[in-house]
Amino acid sequence: MTKDSAVEVEAGERTVRISHPDRVYFPARGETKLDLVRYYLAVGDGIVRALRERPCMMHRFPSGVSGEKVHQKRIPHGAPPWVETVRVKFPRYNRTADELCVTEVGSVIWAVQMSTVEFHPWNSRRADTERPDEWRIDLDPMPRCGFDRVRRTARVAREVLGELGAVGWPKTSGGDGLHIYIRIEPRWGFSDVRRAALAFAKEVERRAPDDVTTAWWRKDRDPEKVFVDYNQNARDHTIASAYSVRGVPEATVSTPVTWDEIDDVDPRDCTIATVPARFARLGDLHKGIDDEAYSLETLLEWADRDGLE
């Protein structure tokens, strides 16, 4: 291939032209833009399920992950007419943005053609962007916190979720942490979902005080603990979706895992080189995530009890 070559790929019902397919995006193993396209095609059902109907911010790396990173909310001009969008409001700035709204794998591959590596969806959907249907538990290890501590915290989180009657769906973050997603009834706004997430985080901290912190200011956090980042549920906060590649040289992937795998999983092993075969073998481990939605009433009662805002 020459540096100006292009290929066409079939993505569901769409044919997408991929320019510069041989451009190296991930220097650790030399994976290219076309390798990234092939990865997202391999996990197509999973990434579409994770993004479906959600406003989605694109993290673009036009020259590969060693170069400039562009956080793109607005879909660029010239997008094909079949790429769907959803309009969201930013009241603080009195602005709106038409964001990518994935309903098919073709939209994912088109975004990759536009140099998107990471997909960061809202936790609400197009039907009502102001009422989330997803509660996100982000277990974020501080600089001197080992992954064993993240594992212990995840087990405590699962224990509390079980007592609440909620089902949690874990995944690696693609970095050093773990995420747990819970489907919720879309009855509450972002501020209430955040309050509920804070009440949950406080309960996990009470049960595992040696491992967990909920201190908001970084300077106040123990560097050896896990920060349960409840603020990821605030409006317009996003984190990488399930099956999203991360913009790092190793091309790690935020990968759904079973609860039984938590004790053994090494997030560094989940990459675009390994996840396709895993997906082919196991399917989408988050396939059932939409089957049941949890009510936040109990957590909001805890928040009221504890005077949380």
C-alpha atoms as a PDB file:
ATOM      1  CA  MET A   1       0.000   0.000   0.000  1.00  0.00           C
ATOM      2  CA  THR A   2       1.056   3.570  -0.562  1.00  0.00           C
ATOM      3  CA  LYS A   3       0.491   6.187   2.072  1.00  0.00           C
ATOM      4  CA  ASP A   4      -2.454   7.569   0.059  1.00  0.00           C
ATOM      5  CA  SER A   5      -4.086   4.196  -0.581  1.00  0.00           C
ATOM      6  CA  ALA A   6      -7.593   3.383   0.562  1.00  0.00           C
ATOM      7  CA  VAL A   7      -9.693   0.252   0.992  1.00  0.00           C
ATOM      8  CA  GLU A   8     -13.399  -0.358   1.210  1.00  0.00           C
ATOM      9  CA  VAL A   9     -14.850  -2.521   3.957  1.00  0.00           C
ATOM     10  CA  GLU A  10     -18.318  -3.969   4.419  1.00  0.00           C
ATOM     11  CA  ALA A  11     -19.880  -2.963   7.730  1.00  0.00           C
ATOM     12  CA  GLY A  12     -23.340  -4.429   8.003  1.00  0.00           C
ATOM     13  CA  GLU A  13     -25.401  -2.820   5.260  1.00  0.00           C
ATOM     14  CA  ARG A  14     -22.805  -0.113   4.610  1.00  0.00           C
ATOM     15  CA  THR A  15     -19.663   0.115   2.565  1.00  0.00           C
ATOM     16  CA  VAL A  16     -17.132   2.406   4.230  1.00  0.00           C
ATOM     17  CA  ARG A  17     -14.016   3.746   2.545  1.00  0.00           C
ATOM     18  CA  ILE A  18     -10.981   3.631   4.833  1.00  0.00           C
ATOM     19  CA  SER A  19      -8.220   6.059   3.950  1.00  0.00           C
ATOM     20  CA  HIS A  20      -4.619   5.508   5.067  1.00  0.00           C
ATOM     21  CA  PRO A  21      -5.376   1.939   6.226  1.00  0.00           C
ATOM     22  CA  ASP A  22      -1.687   1.191   6.819  1.00  0.00           C
ATOM     23  CA  ARG A  23      -1.105   4.132   9.144  1.00  0.00           C
ATOM     24  CA  VAL A  24       0.272   2.800  12.436  1.00  0.00           C
ATOM     25  CA  TYR A  25      -2.060   3.786  15.258  1.00  0.00           C
ATOM     26  CA  PHE A  26      -0.653   1.662  18.093  1.00  0.00           C
ATOM     27  CA  PRO A  27       3.160   1.529  18.213  1.00  0.00           C
ATOM     28  CA  ALA A  28       3.579  -1.198  20.834  1.00  0.00           C
ATOM     29  CA  ARG A  29       2.783  -3.960  18.323  1.00  0.00           C
ATOM     30  CA  GLY A  30       2.483  -1.871  15.160  1.00  0.00           C
ATOM     31  CA  GLU A  31      -1.274  -2.204  14.697  1.00  0.00           C
ATOM     32  CA  THR A  32      -2.733   0.016  11.997  1.00  0.00           C
ATOM     33  CA  LYS A  33      -5.918   1.902  11.296  1.00  0.00           C
ATOM     34  CA  LEU A  34      -7.156  -1.100   9.320  1.00  0.00           C
ATOM     35  CA  ASP A  35      -6.406  -3.371  12.283  1.00  0.00           C
ATOM     36  CA  LEU A  36      -8.600  -1.069  14.377  1.00  0.00           C
ATOM     37  CA  VAL A  37     -11.393  -1.322  11.789  1.00  0.00           C
ATOM     38  CA  ARG A  38     -11.132  -5.119  11.800  1.00  0.00           C
ATOM     39  CA  TYR A  39     -11.260  -5.168  15.595  1.00  0.00           C
ATOM     40  CA  TYR A  40     -14.493  -3.151  15.734  1.00  0.00           C
ATOM     41  CA  LEU A  41     -16.042  -5.340  13.020  1.00  0.00           C
ATOM     42  CA  ALA A  42     -15.135  -8.433  15.061  1.00  0.00           C
ATOM     43  CA  VAL A  43     -16.949  -7.110  18.158  1.00  0.00           C
ATOM     44  CA  GLY A  44     -19.672  -5.346  16.192  1.00  0.00           C
ATOM     45  CA  ASP A  45     -22.683  -6.670  18.114  1.00  0.00           C
ATOM     46  CA  GLY A  46     -21.061  -5.792  21.420  1.00  0.00           C
ATOM     47  CA  ILE A  47     -19.951  -2.252  20.597  1.00  0.00           C
ATOM     48  CA  VAL A  48     -23.325  -1.428  19.023  1.00  0.00           C
ATOM     49  CA  ARG A  49     -25.147  -2.711  22.105  1.00  0.00           C
ATOM     50  CA  ALA A  50     -22.902  -0.599  24.339  1.00  0.00           C
ATOM     51  CA  LEU A  51     -23.474   2.569  22.279  1.00  0.00           C
ATOM     52  CA  ARG A  52     -26.993   2.081  20.965  1.00  0.00           C
ATOM     53  CA  GLU A  53     -29.115   5.241  20.950  1.00  0.00           C
ATOM     54  CA  ARG A  54     -26.685   7.121  23.223  1.00  0.00           C
ATOM     55  CA  PRO A  55     -25.102  10.504  22.517  1.00  0.00           C
ATOM     56  CA  CYS A  56     -21.465   9.626  21.981  1.00  0.00           C
ATOM     57  CA  MET A  57     -18.290  11.660  22.212  1.00  0.00           C
ATOM     58  CA  MET A  58     -15.535  10.551  19.864  1.00  0.00           C
ATOM     59  CA  HIS A  59     -11.917  10.583  20.992  1.00  0.00           C
ATOM     60  CA  ARG A  60      -9.997  10.967  17.747  1.00  0.00           C
ATOM     61  CA  PHE A  61      -6.292  10.450  17.061  1.00  0.00           C
ATOM     62  CA  PRO A  62      -5.696  11.662  13.489  1.00  0.00           C
ATOM     63  CA  SER A  63      -2.067  10.539  13.391  1.00  0.00           C
ATOM     64  CA  GLY A  64      -2.289   7.594  15.795  1.00  0.00           C
ATOM     65  CA  VAL A  65      -2.270   7.427  19.570  1.00  0.00           C
ATOM     66  CA  SER A  66       1.200   8.927  19.870  1.00  0.00           C
ATOM     67  CA  GLY A  67      -0.089  12.142  18.342  1.00  0.00           C
ATOM     68  CA  GLU A  68      -2.725  14.738  19.085  1.00  0.00           C
ATOM     69  CA  LYS A  69      -5.960  13.677  20.790  1.00  0.00           C
ATOM     70  CA  VAL A  70      -9.185  15.414  19.747  1.00  0.00           C
ATOM     71  CA  HIS A  71     -12.305  15.281  21.935  1.00  0.00           C
ATOM     72  CA  GLN A  72     -15.119  15.662  19.431  1.00  0.00           C
ATOM     73  CA  LYS A  73     -18.708  16.150  20.572  1.00  0.00           C
ATOM     74  CA  ARG A  74     -20.182  17.458  17.336  1.00  0.00           C
ATOM     75  CA  ILE A  75     -20.346  15.143  14.385  1.00  0.00           C
ATOM     76  CA  PRO A  76     -18.153  16.601  11.623  1.00  0.00           C
ATOM     77  CA  HIS A  77     -19.616  18.122   8.478  1.00  0.00           C
ATOM     78  CA  GLY A  78     -19.789  15.801   5.513  1.00  0.00           C
ATOM     79  CA  ALA A  79     -20.904  12.711   7.434  1.00  0.00           C
ATOM     80  CA  PRO A  80     -22.947  10.281   5.317  1.00  0.00           C
ATOM     81  CA  PRO A  81     -26.708  10.856   5.630  1.00  0.00           C
ATOM     82  CA  TRP A  82     -27.183   7.416   7.176  1.00  0.00           C
ATOM     83  CA  VAL A  83     -24.989   8.238  10.198  1.00  0.00           C
ATOM     84  CA  GLU A  84     -27.497   9.098  12.918  1.00  0.00           C
ATOM     85  CA  THR A  85     -27.161  11.871  15.494  1.00  0.00           C
ATOM     86  CA  VAL A  86     -28.884  13.142  18.627  1.00  0.00           C
ATOM     87  CA  ARG A  87     -29.010  16.765  19.706  1.00  0.00           C
ATOM     88  CA  VAL A  88     -27.932  17.472  23.274  1.00  0.00           C
ATOM     89  CA  LYS A  89     -27.919  20.714  25.208  1.00  0.00           C
ATOM     90  CA  PHE A  90     -25.164  22.310  27.257  1.00  0.00           C
ATOM     91  CA  PRO A  91     -27.049  24.817  29.451  1.00  0.00           C
ATOM     92  CA  ARG A  92     -23.909  26.267  31.022  1.00  0.00           C
ATOM     93  CA  TYR A  93     -22.764  27.514  27.625  1.00  0.00           C
ATOM     94  CA  ASN A  94     -26.235  27.916  26.085  1.00  0.00           C
ATOM     95  CA  ARG A  95     -25.185  25.649  23.244  1.00  0.00           C
ATOM     96  CA  THR A  96     -26.280  22.452  21.561  1.00  0.00           C
ATOM     97  CA  ALA A  97     -24.382  19.715  19.772  1.00  0.00           C
ATOM     98  CA  ASP A  98     -25.434  17.022  17.322  1.00  0.00           C
ATOM     99  CA  GLU A  99     -23.526  14.015  18.632  1.00  0.00           C
ATOM    100  CA  LEU A 100     -22.988  10.629  17.050  1.00  0.00           C
ATOM    101  CA  CYS A 101     -25.828   8.236  17.892  1.00  0.00           C
ATOM    102  CA  VAL A 102     -24.884   4.672  16.977  1.00  0.00           C
ATOM    103  CA  THR A 103     -27.610   2.309  15.798  1.00  0.00           C
ATOM    104  CA  GLU A 104     -25.538   0.089  13.507  1.00  0.00           C
ATOM    105  CA  VAL A 105     -21.963  -1.069  13.091  1.00  0.00           C
ATOM    106  CA  GLY A 106     -21.536   1.042   9.969  1.00  0.00           C
ATOM    107  CA  SER A 107     -21.607   4.182  12.116  1.00  0.00           C
ATOM    108  CA  VAL A 108     -18.822   2.767  14.292  1.00  0.00           C
ATOM    109  CA  ILE A 109     -16.637   2.027  11.278  1.00  0.00           C
ATOM    110  CA  TRP A 110     -17.347   5.447   9.770  1.00  0.00           C
ATOM    111  CA  ALA A 111     -16.196   6.983  13.083  1.00  0.00           C
ATOM    112  CA  VAL A 112     -12.992   4.926  12.912  1.00  0.00           C
ATOM    113  CA  GLN A 113     -12.449   6.215   9.389  1.00  0.00           C
ATOM    114  CA  MET A 114     -12.659   9.676  10.970  1.00  0.00           C
ATOM    115  CA  SER A 115      -9.757   8.561  13.244  1.00  0.00           C
ATOM    116  CA  THR A 116     -11.900   7.705  16.286  1.00  0.00           C
ATOM    117  CA  VAL A 117     -10.225   5.250  18.643  1.00  0.00           C
ATOM    118  CA  GLU A 118     -12.310   5.663  21.809  1.00  0.00           C
ATOM    119  CA  PHE A 119     -16.097   5.840  22.119  1.00  0.00           C
ATOM    120  CA  HIS A 120     -17.452   7.691  25.171  1.00  0.00           C
ATOM    121  CA  PRO A 121     -21.259   7.466  25.360  1.00  0.00           C
ATOM    122  CA  TRP A 122     -23.621   9.269  27.708  1.00  0.00           C
ATOM    123  CA  ASN A 123     -25.456   7.182  30.288  1.00  0.00           C
ATOM    124  CA  SER A 124     -28.790   8.279  28.798  1.00  0.00           C
ATOM    125  CA  ARG A 125     -30.421   7.527  25.470  1.00  0.00           C
ATOM    126  CA  ARG A 126     -31.908   9.495  22.612  1.00  0.00           C
ATOM    127  CA  ALA A 127     -35.507   9.004  23.788  1.00  0.00           C
ATOM    128  CA  ASP A 128     -34.795  11.252  26.808  1.00  0.00           C
ATOM    129  CA  THR A 129     -31.225  12.450  27.133  1.00  0.00           C
ATOM    130  CA  GLU A 130     -31.960  14.059  30.515  1.00  0.00           C
ATOM    131  CA  ARG A 131     -32.943  10.799  32.256  1.00  0.00           C
ATOM    132  CA  PRO A 132     -30.147   8.231  32.463  1.00  0.00           C
ATOM    133  CA  ASP A 133     -30.868   4.534  32.178  1.00  0.00           C
ATOM    134  CA  GLU A 134     -27.364   3.495  33.211  1.00  0.00           C
ATOM    135  CA  TRP A 135     -25.615   3.857  36.553  1.00  0.00           C
ATOM    136  CA  ARG A 136     -21.842   3.555  36.359  1.00  0.00           C
ATOM    137  CA  ILE A 137     -19.546   2.436  39.159  1.00  0.00           C
ATOM    138  CA  ASP A 138     -15.985   3.461  38.345  1.00  0.00           C
ATOM    139  CA  LEU A 139     -13.337   1.801  40.519  1.00  0.00           C
ATOM    140  CA  ASP A 140     -10.353   4.055  39.942  1.00  0.00           C
ATOM    141  CA  PRO A 141      -7.096   3.025  41.664  1.00  0.00           C
ATOM    142  CA  MET A 142      -4.901   5.794  42.961  1.00  0.00           C
ATOM    143  CA  PRO A 143      -1.201   5.872  41.946  1.00  0.00           C
ATOM    144  CA  ARG A 144       0.108   3.407  44.537  1.00  0.00           C
ATOM    145  CA  CYS A 145      -2.943   1.148  44.583  1.00  0.00           C
ATOM    146  CA  GLY A 146      -2.483  -2.392  43.293  1.00  0.00           C
ATOM    147  CA  PHE A 147      -5.062  -4.225  41.214  1.00  0.00           C
ATOM    148  CA  ASP A 148      -5.691  -6.748  44.009  1.00  0.00           C
ATOM    149  CA  ARG A 149      -7.266  -3.893  45.962  1.00  0.00           C
ATOM    150  CA  VAL A 150      -9.472  -3.073  42.951  1.00  0.00           C
ATOM    151  CA  ARG A 151     -10.553  -6.727  42.892  1.00  0.00           C
ATOM    152  CA  ARG A 152     -11.458  -6.663  46.598  1.00  0.00           C
ATOM    153  CA  THR A 153     -13.441  -3.470  46.127  1.00  0.00           C
ATOM    154  CA  ALA A 154     -15.331  -5.003  43.216  1.00  0.00           C
ATOM    155  CA  ARG A 155     -16.344  -7.941  45.398  1.00  0.00           C
ATOM    156  CA  VAL A 156     -17.661  -5.569  48.066  1.00  0.00           C
ATOM    157  CA  ALA A 157     -19.546  -3.611  45.409  1.00  0.00           C
ATOM    158  CA  ARG A 158     -21.129  -6.823  44.170  1.00  0.00           C
ATOM    159  CA  GLU A 159     -22.154  -7.716  47.720  1.00  0.00           C
ATOM    160  CA  VAL A 160     -23.925  -4.373  48.168  1.00  0.00           C
ATOM    161  CA  LEU A 161     -25.565  -4.615  44.753  1.00  0.00           C
ATOM    162  CA  GLY A 162     -26.884  -8.062  45.652  1.00  0.00           C
ATOM    163  CA  GLU A 163     -28.436  -6.731  48.837  1.00  0.00           C
ATOM    164  CA  LEU A 164     -30.093  -3.992  46.779  1.00  0.00           C
ATOM    165  CA  GLY A 165     -31.463  -6.540  44.317  1.00  0.00           C
ATOM    166  CA  ALA A 166     -29.459  -5.035  41.450  1.00  0.00           C
ATOM    167  CA  VAL A 167     -27.402  -6.835  38.812  1.00  0.00           C
ATOM    168  CA  GLY A 168     -23.978  -5.400  38.024  1.00  0.00           C
ATOM    169  CA  TRP A 169     -22.181  -5.949  34.735  1.00  0.00           C
ATOM    170  CA  PRO A 170     -18.385  -5.645  35.164  1.00  0.00           C
ATOM    171  CA  LYS A 171     -15.742  -4.742  32.624  1.00  0.00           C
ATOM    172  CA  THR A 172     -12.130  -3.722  32.632  1.00  0.00           C
ATOM    173  CA  SER A 173     -11.610  -0.009  32.119  1.00  0.00           C
ATOM    174  CA  GLY A 174      -8.891  -0.503  29.553  1.00  0.00           C
ATOM    175  CA  GLY A 175      -6.604   1.145  32.084  1.00  0.00           C
ATOM    176  CA  ASP A 176      -5.872   0.157  35.680  1.00  0.00           C
ATOM    177  CA  GLY A 177      -9.414  -0.002  37.032  1.00  0.00           C
ATOM    178  CA  LEU A 178     -12.752  -1.727  36.711  1.00  0.00           C
ATOM    179  CA  HIS A 179     -16.191  -0.458  35.762  1.00  0.00           C
ATOM    180  CA  ILE A 180     -19.536  -1.925  36.802  1.00  0.00           C
ATOM    181  CA  TYR A 181     -22.687  -0.907  34.914  1.00  0.00           C
ATOM    182  CA  ILE A 182     -26.248  -1.254  36.166  1.00  0.00           C
ATOM    183  CA  ARG A 183     -29.385  -0.630  34.133  1.00  0.00           C
ATOM    184  CA  ILE A 184     -31.774   1.682  35.963  1.00  0.00           C
ATOM    185  CA  GLU A 185     -35.294   2.867  35.349  1.00  0.00           C
ATOM    186  CA  PRO A 186     -35.075   6.180  33.426  1.00  0.00           C
ATOM    187  CA  ARG A 187     -37.124   8.040  36.037  1.00  0.00           C
ATOM    188  CA  TRP A 188     -34.496  10.337  37.544  1.00  0.00           C
ATOM    189  CA  GLY A 189     -32.318  13.179  36.337  1.00  0.00           C
ATOM    190  CA  PHE A 190     -28.532  13.271  36.448  1.00  0.00           C
ATOM    191  CA  SER A 191     -28.332  14.926  39.872  1.00  0.00           C
ATOM    192  CA  ASP A 192     -30.380  12.165  41.505  1.00  0.00           C
ATOM    193  CA  VAL A 193     -28.434   9.412  39.750  1.00  0.00           C
ATOM    194  CA  ARG A 194     -25.217  11.005  40.973  1.00  0.00           C
ATOM    195  CA  ARG A 195     -26.600  11.230  44.548  1.00  0.00           C
ATOM    196  CA  ALA A 196     -27.577   7.566  44.402  1.00  0.00           C
ATOM    197  CA  ALA A 197     -24.096   6.669  43.127  1.00  0.00           C
ATOM    198  CA  LEU A 198     -22.529   8.656  45.970  1.00  0.00           C
ATOM    199  CA  ALA A 199     -24.714   6.875  48.552  1.00  0.00           C
ATOM    200  CA  PHE A 200     -23.581   3.543  47.123  1.00  0.00           C
ATOM    201  CA  ALA A 201     -19.930   4.611  47.138  1.00  0.00           C
ATOM    202  CA  LYS A 202     -20.202   5.673  50.778  1.00  0.00           C
ATOM    203  CA  GLU A 203     -21.628   2.263  51.696  1.00  0.00           C
ATOM    204  CA  VAL A 204     -18.766   0.484  49.923  1.00  0.00           C
ATOM    205  CA  GLU A 205     -16.329   2.753  51.765  1.00  0.00           C
ATOM    206  CA  ARG A 206     -17.956   1.912  55.123  1.00  0.00           C
ATOM    207  CA  ARG A 207     -17.535  -1.788  54.465  1.00  0.00           C
ATOM    208  CA  ALA A 208     -13.980  -1.551  53.102  1.00  0.00           C
ATOM    209  CA  PRO A 209     -12.404   1.502  54.761  1.00  0.00           C
ATOM    210  CA  ASP A 210      -8.865   0.188  54.309  1.00  0.00           C
ATOM    211  CA  ASP A 211      -9.309  -0.151  50.541  1.00  0.00           C
ATOM    212  CA  VAL A 212     -11.731   2.580  49.478  1.00  0.00           C
ATOM    213  CA  THR A 213     -11.934   6.362  49.408  1.00  0.00           C
ATOM    214  CA  THR A 214     -14.741   8.654  48.291  1.00  0.00           C
ATOM    215  CA  ALA A 215     -12.793  11.902  48.875  1.00  0.00           C
ATOM    216  CA  TRP A 216     -13.594  14.181  45.968  1.00  0.00           C
ATOM    217  CA  TRP A 217     -10.391  16.247  45.967  1.00  0.00           C
ATOM    218  CA  ARG A 218      -7.414  14.273  44.746  1.00  0.00           C
ATOM    219  CA  LYS A 219      -5.144  15.815  47.405  1.00  0.00           C
ATOM    220  CA  ASP A 220      -7.394  14.298  50.071  1.00  0.00           C
ATOM    221  CA  ARG A 221      -7.246  10.742  48.716  1.00  0.00           C
ATOM    222  CA  ASP A 222      -4.976   8.046  50.069  1.00  0.00           C
ATOM    223  CA  PRO A 223      -2.692   7.150  47.116  1.00  0.00           C
ATOM    224  CA  GLU A 224      -2.945   3.448  48.012  1.00  0.00           C
ATOM    225  CA  LYS A 225      -6.752   3.251  47.884  1.00  0.00           C
ATOM    226  CA  VAL A 226      -9.464   2.817  45.256  1.00  0.00           C
ATOM    227  CA  PHE A 227     -11.500   5.911  44.491  1.00  0.00           C
ATOM    228  CA  VAL A 228     -15.137   5.025  43.781  1.00  0.00           C
ATOM    229  CA  ASP A 229     -15.777   7.774  41.253  1.00  0.00           C
ATOM    230  CA  TYR A 230     -19.468   8.534  41.646  1.00  0.00           C
ATOM    231  CA  ASN A 231     -19.134  11.755  39.669  1.00  0.00           C
ATOM    232  CA  GLN A 232     -18.952   9.752  36.456  1.00  0.00           C
ATOM    233  CA  ASN A 233     -22.753   9.797  36.692  1.00  0.00           C
ATOM    234  CA  ALA A 234     -22.968  13.589  36.500  1.00  0.00           C
ATOM    235  CA  ARG A 235     -24.409  15.196  33.392  1.00  0.00           C
ATOM    236  CA  ASP A 236     -22.076  15.236  30.387  1.00  0.00           C
ATOM    237  CA  HIS A 237     -19.504  13.004  32.089  1.00  0.00           C
ATOM    238  CA  THR A 238     -18.557  10.032  29.963  1.00  0.00           C
ATOM    239  CA  ILE A 239     -16.251   7.051  30.184  1.00  0.00           C
ATOM    240  CA  ALA A 240     -15.137   4.540  27.579  1.00  0.00           C
ATOM    241  CA  SER A 241     -17.843   2.085  26.610  1.00  0.00           C
ATOM    242  CA  ALA A 242     -17.669  -1.673  26.717  1.00  0.00           C
ATOM    243  CA  TYR A 243     -15.497  -2.838  23.805  1.00  0.00           C
ATOM    244  CA  SER A 244     -14.001   0.617  23.303  1.00  0.00           C
ATOM    245  CA  VAL A 245     -10.320   0.571  22.487  1.00  0.00           C
ATOM    246  CA  ARG A 246      -8.230   2.959  24.576  1.00  0.00           C
ATOM    247  CA  GLY A 247      -5.851   5.492  23.096  1.00  0.00           C
ATOM    248  CA  VAL A 248      -2.648   3.898  24.392  1.00  0.00           C
ATOM    249  CA  PRO A 249       0.234   2.267  22.490  1.00  0.00           C
ATOM    250  CA  GLU A 250      -0.799  -1.229  23.631  1.00  0.00           C
ATOM    251  CA  ALA A 251      -4.369  -0.850  22.232  1.00  0.00           C
ATOM    252  CA  THR A 252      -6.016  -2.114  25.393  1.00  0.00           C
ATOM    253  CA  VAL A 253      -9.784  -2.648  25.357  1.00  0.00           C
ATOM    254  CA  SER A 254     -12.457  -1.953  27.973  1.00  0.00           C
ATOM    255  CA  THR A 255     -13.579  -5.563  28.094  1.00  0.00           C
ATOM    256  CA  PRO A 256     -16.674  -7.166  29.660  1.00  0.00           C
ATOM    257  CA  VAL A 257     -15.763  -9.912  32.101  1.00  0.00           C
ATOM    258  CA  THR A 258     -17.705 -12.336  34.268  1.00  0.00           C
ATOM    259  CA  TRP A 259     -17.718 -11.939  38.029  1.00  0.00           C
ATOM    260  CA  ASP A 260     -15.818 -15.231  38.269  1.00  0.00           C
ATOM    261  CA  GLU A 261     -13.004 -13.734  36.186  1.00  0.00           C
ATOM    262  CA  ILE A 262     -12.435 -10.748  38.470  1.00  0.00           C
ATOM    263  CA  ASP A 263      -9.903 -12.610  40.623  1.00  0.00           C
ATOM    264  CA  ASP A 264      -7.728 -13.586  37.657  1.00  0.00           C
ATOM    265  CA  VAL A 265      -8.193 -11.011  34.908  1.00  0.00           C
ATOM    266  CA  ASP A 266      -5.232  -8.856  33.932  1.00  0.00           C
ATOM    267  CA  PRO A 267      -6.580  -5.795  32.086  1.00  0.00           C
ATOM    268  CA  ARG A 268      -3.328  -5.516  30.144  1.00  0.00           C
ATOM    269  CA  ASP A 269      -4.123  -8.823  28.438  1.00  0.00           C
ATOM    270  CA  CYS A 270      -7.311  -7.416  26.894  1.00  0.00           C
ATOM    271  CA  THR A 271      -6.252  -5.780  23.624  1.00  0.00           C
ATOM    272  CA  ILE A 272      -7.388  -5.542  20.016  1.00  0.00           C
ATOM    273  CA  ALA A 273      -5.094  -8.523  19.401  1.00  0.00           C
ATOM    274  CA  THR A 274      -6.839 -10.788  21.933  1.00  0.00           C
ATOM    275  CA  VAL A 275     -10.434  -9.615  22.432  1.00  0.00           C
ATOM    276  CA  PRO A 276     -11.793 -10.686  18.985  1.00  0.00           C
ATOM    277  CA  ALA A 277     -11.024 -14.340  19.682  1.00  0.00           C
ATOM    278  CA  ARG A 278     -12.475 -13.988  23.170  1.00  0.00           C
ATOM    279  CA  PHE A 279     -15.626 -12.408  21.711  1.00  0.00           C
ATOM    280  CA  ALA A 280     -15.922 -15.202  19.129  1.00  0.00           C
ATOM    281  CA  ARG A 281     -15.651 -17.775  21.918  1.00  0.00           C
ATOM    282  CA  LEU A 282     -17.824 -16.163  24.614  1.00  0.00           C
ATOM    283  CA  GLY A 283     -20.043 -13.758  22.741  1.00  0.00           C
ATOM    284  CA  ASP A 284     -21.045 -10.470  24.321  1.00  0.00           C
ATOM    285  CA  LEU A 285     -20.934 -10.947  28.093  1.00  0.00           C
ATOM    286  CA  HIS A 286     -23.155  -7.853  28.439  1.00  0.00           C
ATOM    287  CA  LYS A 287     -25.827  -9.280  26.144  1.00  0.00           C
ATOM    288  CA  GLY A 288     -28.395  -9.446  28.943  1.00  0.00           C
ATOM    289  CA  ILE A 289     -27.738  -5.988  30.362  1.00  0.00           C
ATOM    290  CA  ASP A 290     -31.045  -4.581  29.116  1.00  0.00           C
ATOM    291  CA  ASP A 291     -33.174  -7.401  30.494  1.00  0.00           C
ATOM    292  CA  GLU A 292     -33.877  -5.784  33.870  1.00  0.00           C
ATOM    293  CA  ALA A 293     -33.806  -2.219  35.207  1.00  0.00           C
ATOM    294  CA  TYR A 294     -33.196  -1.315  38.847  1.00  0.00           C
ATOM    295  CA  SER A 295     -35.021   1.362  40.865  1.00  0.00           C
ATOM    296  CA  LEU A 296     -32.870   3.949  42.675  1.00  0.00           C
ATOM    297  CA  GLU A 297     -35.403   4.540  45.460  1.00  0.00           C
ATOM    298  CA  THR A 298     -33.438   2.700  48.163  1.00  0.00           C
ATOM    299  CA  LEU A 299     -30.181   4.455  47.295  1.00  0.00           C
ATOM    300  CA  LEU A 300     -31.893   7.840  47.281  1.00  0.00           C
ATOM    301  CA  GLU A 301     -33.283   7.038  50.734  1.00  0.00           C
ATOM    302  CA  TRP A 302     -29.707   6.331  51.833  1.00  0.00           C
ATOM    303  CA  ALA A 303     -28.615   9.642  50.329  1.00  0.00           C
ATOM    304  CA  ASP A 304     -31.364  11.483  52.247  1.00  0.00           C
ATOM    305  CA  ARG A 305     -30.426   9.626  55.436  1.00  0.00           C
ATOM    306  CA  ASP A 306     -26.785  10.606  55.089  1.00  0.00           C
ATOM    307  CA  GLY A 307     -27.488  14.188  53.996  1.00  0.00           C
ATOM    308  CA  LEU A 308     -25.700  13.729  50.682  1.00  0.00           C
ATOM    309  CA  GLU A 309     -25.948  16.299  47.912  1.00  0.00           C
END
